[in-house]
Protein backbone atom coordinates (compact mmCIF):
# COMPACT_ATOMS: atom_id res chain seq x y z
CA UNK A 1 -4.72 -7.90 -12.17
CA UNK A 2 -4.76 -11.02 -14.30
CA UNK A 3 -1.00 -11.48 -14.07
CA UNK A 4 -1.01 -10.98 -10.30
CA UNK A 5 -3.90 -13.42 -9.91
CA UNK A 6 -2.10 -15.97 -12.11
CA UNK A 7 1.13 -15.64 -10.11
CA UNK A 8 -0.71 -16.13 -6.82
CA UNK A 9 -2.66 -19.07 -8.27
CA UNK A 10 0.61 -20.73 -9.32
CA UNK A 11 2.10 -20.11 -5.88
CA UNK A 12 -1.01 -21.59 -4.27
CA UNK A 13 -0.95 -24.61 -6.56
CA UNK A 14 2.77 -25.32 -6.19
CA UNK A 15 2.83 -24.51 -2.45
CA UNK A 16 6.58 -23.92 -2.30
CA UNK A 17 8.56 -23.72 0.91
CA UNK A 18 9.75 -20.29 2.03
CA UNK A 19 13.29 -20.96 0.83
CA UNK A 20 12.05 -22.16 -2.59
CA UNK A 21 9.74 -19.17 -2.90
CA UNK A 22 12.50 -16.69 -2.10
CA UNK A 23 14.84 -18.48 -4.51
CA UNK A 24 12.29 -18.37 -7.34
CA UNK A 25 11.55 -14.70 -6.65
CA UNK A 26 15.25 -13.80 -6.83
CA UNK A 27 15.62 -15.87 -10.03
CA UNK A 28 12.71 -13.93 -11.51
CA UNK A 29 14.38 -10.64 -10.56
CA UNK A 30 17.65 -11.79 -12.17
CA UNK A 31 15.78 -12.80 -15.32
CA UNK A 32 14.02 -9.42 -15.45
CA UNK A 33 17.32 -7.65 -14.85
CA UNK A 34 18.80 -9.49 -17.83
CA UNK A 35 15.83 -9.29 -20.25
CA UNK A 36 14.48 -5.77 -19.65
CA UNK A 37 17.47 -3.92 -21.18
CA UNK A 38 17.33 -6.24 -24.20
CA UNK A 39 13.57 -6.18 -24.79
CA UNK A 40 12.65 -2.63 -23.72
CA UNK A 41 14.04 -0.85 -26.83
CA UNK A 42 12.26 -3.36 -29.09
CA UNK A 43 8.93 -3.02 -27.31
CA UNK A 44 8.88 0.71 -26.61
CA UNK A 45 10.99 1.90 -29.51
CA UNK A 46 13.91 4.26 -29.27
CA UNK A 47 11.97 7.53 -29.00
CA UNK A 48 13.80 10.49 -27.63
CA UNK A 49 12.79 11.78 -24.24
CA UNK A 50 10.06 14.38 -24.75
CA UNK A 51 9.04 17.25 -22.51
CA UNK A 52 5.70 15.51 -21.91
CA UNK A 53 7.51 12.41 -20.65
CA UNK A 54 9.75 14.60 -18.51
CA UNK A 55 6.72 16.31 -17.01
CA UNK A 56 5.09 12.95 -16.24
CA UNK A 57 8.34 11.78 -14.66
CA UNK A 58 8.37 14.86 -12.41
CA UNK A 59 4.74 14.19 -11.41
CA UNK A 60 5.59 10.63 -10.42
CA UNK A 61 8.64 11.77 -8.43
CA UNK A 62 6.66 14.49 -6.65
CA UNK A 63 3.91 11.98 -5.77
CA UNK A 64 6.54 9.64 -4.31
CA UNK A 65 7.97 12.48 -2.23
CA UNK A 66 4.48 13.46 -1.01
CA UNK A 67 3.76 9.86 -0.04
CA UNK A 68 7.03 9.65 1.87
CA UNK A 69 6.26 12.92 3.67
CA UNK A 70 2.82 11.66 4.65
CA UNK A 71 4.32 8.45 6.05
CA UNK A 72 6.92 10.41 8.02
CA UNK A 73 4.14 12.73 9.26
CA UNK A 74 2.10 9.79 10.53
CA UNK A 75 5.20 8.36 12.17
CA UNK A 76 5.88 11.68 13.93
CA UNK A 77 2.24 11.95 15.04
CA UNK A 78 2.48 8.48 16.53
CA UNK A 79 5.52 9.44 18.59
CA UNK A 80 3.93 12.73 19.58
CA UNK A 81 0.93 10.76 20.84
CA UNK A 82 3.31 8.49 22.73
CA UNK A 83 4.94 11.45 24.47
CA UNK A 84 1.80 13.49 25.15
CA UNK A 85 -0.73 10.74 25.93
CA UNK A 86 1.10 7.49 26.75
CA UNK A 87 -2.03 5.69 27.98
CA UNK A 88 -3.93 6.56 24.79
CA UNK A 89 -0.93 5.45 22.72
CA UNK A 90 -0.68 2.18 24.63
CA UNK A 91 -4.38 1.36 24.29
CA UNK A 92 -4.44 2.31 20.61
CA UNK A 93 -1.41 0.17 19.83
CA UNK A 94 -2.67 -2.82 21.81
CA UNK A 95 -6.12 -2.74 20.22
CA UNK A 96 -4.84 -2.22 16.67
CA UNK A 97 -2.13 -4.88 16.96
CA UNK A 98 -4.62 -7.32 18.50
CA UNK A 99 -6.98 -6.67 15.58
CA UNK A 100 -4.16 -7.27 13.07
CA UNK A 101 -3.17 -10.47 14.89
CA UNK A 102 -6.77 -11.68 14.86
CA UNK A 103 -7.12 -10.99 11.11
CA UNK A 104 -3.79 -12.75 10.51
CA UNK A 105 -5.05 -15.76 12.43
CA UNK A 106 -8.39 -15.91 10.59
CA UNK A 107 -7.17 -15.36 7.01
CA UNK A 108 -4.68 -17.55 5.16
CA UNK A 109 -1.30 -15.87 4.64
CA UNK A 110 -1.34 -16.25 0.87
CA UNK A 111 -4.85 -14.80 0.56
CA UNK A 112 -3.88 -11.93 2.84
CA UNK A 113 -0.77 -11.24 0.76
CA UNK A 114 -2.83 -11.40 -2.44
CA UNK A 115 -5.34 -8.90 -1.06
CA UNK A 116 -2.57 -6.53 0.06
CA UNK A 117 -0.75 -6.72 -3.30
CA UNK A 118 -4.00 -6.26 -5.21
CA UNK A 119 -4.97 -3.26 -3.07
CA UNK A 120 -1.56 -1.66 -3.57
CA UNK A 121 -1.80 -2.17 -7.34
CA UNK A 122 -5.31 -0.68 -7.47
CA UNK A 123 -4.42 2.26 -5.21
CA UNK A 124 -3.13 4.63 -7.95
CA UNK A 125 -6.27 4.13 -10.06
CA UNK A 126 -8.57 4.59 -7.08
CA UNK A 127 -6.68 7.73 -6.15
CA UNK A 128 -6.80 9.09 -9.71
CA UNK A 129 -10.58 8.62 -9.90
CA UNK A 130 -11.10 10.28 -6.51
CA UNK A 131 -12.63 7.22 -4.86
CA UNK A 132 -10.20 7.29 -1.93
CA UNK A 133 -10.85 10.96 -1.22
CA UNK A 134 -14.59 10.32 -1.37
CA UNK A 135 -14.46 7.63 1.30
CA UNK A 136 -11.97 9.52 3.45
CA UNK A 137 -14.35 12.49 3.35
CA UNK A 138 -17.24 10.25 4.38
CA UNK A 139 -15.20 8.86 7.28
CA UNK A 140 -14.23 12.37 8.41
CA UNK A 141 -17.86 13.52 8.33
CA UNK A 142 -18.98 10.53 10.39
CA UNK A 143 -16.15 11.05 12.88
CA UNK A 144 -17.09 14.72 13.24
CA UNK A 145 -20.74 13.75 13.81
CA UNK A 146 -19.70 11.32 16.54
CA UNK A 147 -17.46 13.93 18.17
CA UNK A 148 -20.25 16.53 18.08
CA UNK A 149 -22.68 14.05 19.65
CA UNK A 150 -20.14 13.32 22.38
CA UNK A 151 -19.67 17.06 23.05
CA UNK A 152 -23.45 17.54 23.32
CA UNK A 153 -23.68 14.69 25.85
CA UNK A 154 -20.85 16.19 27.91
CA UNK A 155 -22.57 19.61 28.07
């Protein structure tokens, strides 16, 4: 978090143009591409690949596949909604995109990018500690309560 905050502070202080920012980012990637193969064996040692490391690697790969499947599932649900309930799809998209546009207008781009990057970096830890599941469960319970109240009013 400290490194990310420092990088965003430097970007804020220097206030580079888009072209300069992209150029510096690509230079950083080239530098990392050059230095990582040289420094990695010195930092991490030349241990042989263990079964524990292999198991961890498989966990990471399976989590990536699960995440991709979830994203594809959401994408398919969105198109199913578009086909089955076009008016609902239209209203949902208009309202959500208007909300995103409003947030984008109210919050500075760099701060918004910092918050997104920070959230993405904290996401694995929050998921590992079960915090995300806790709040998703709370949201589901509240949604179910609202739906039940609506059903009672309709009866």
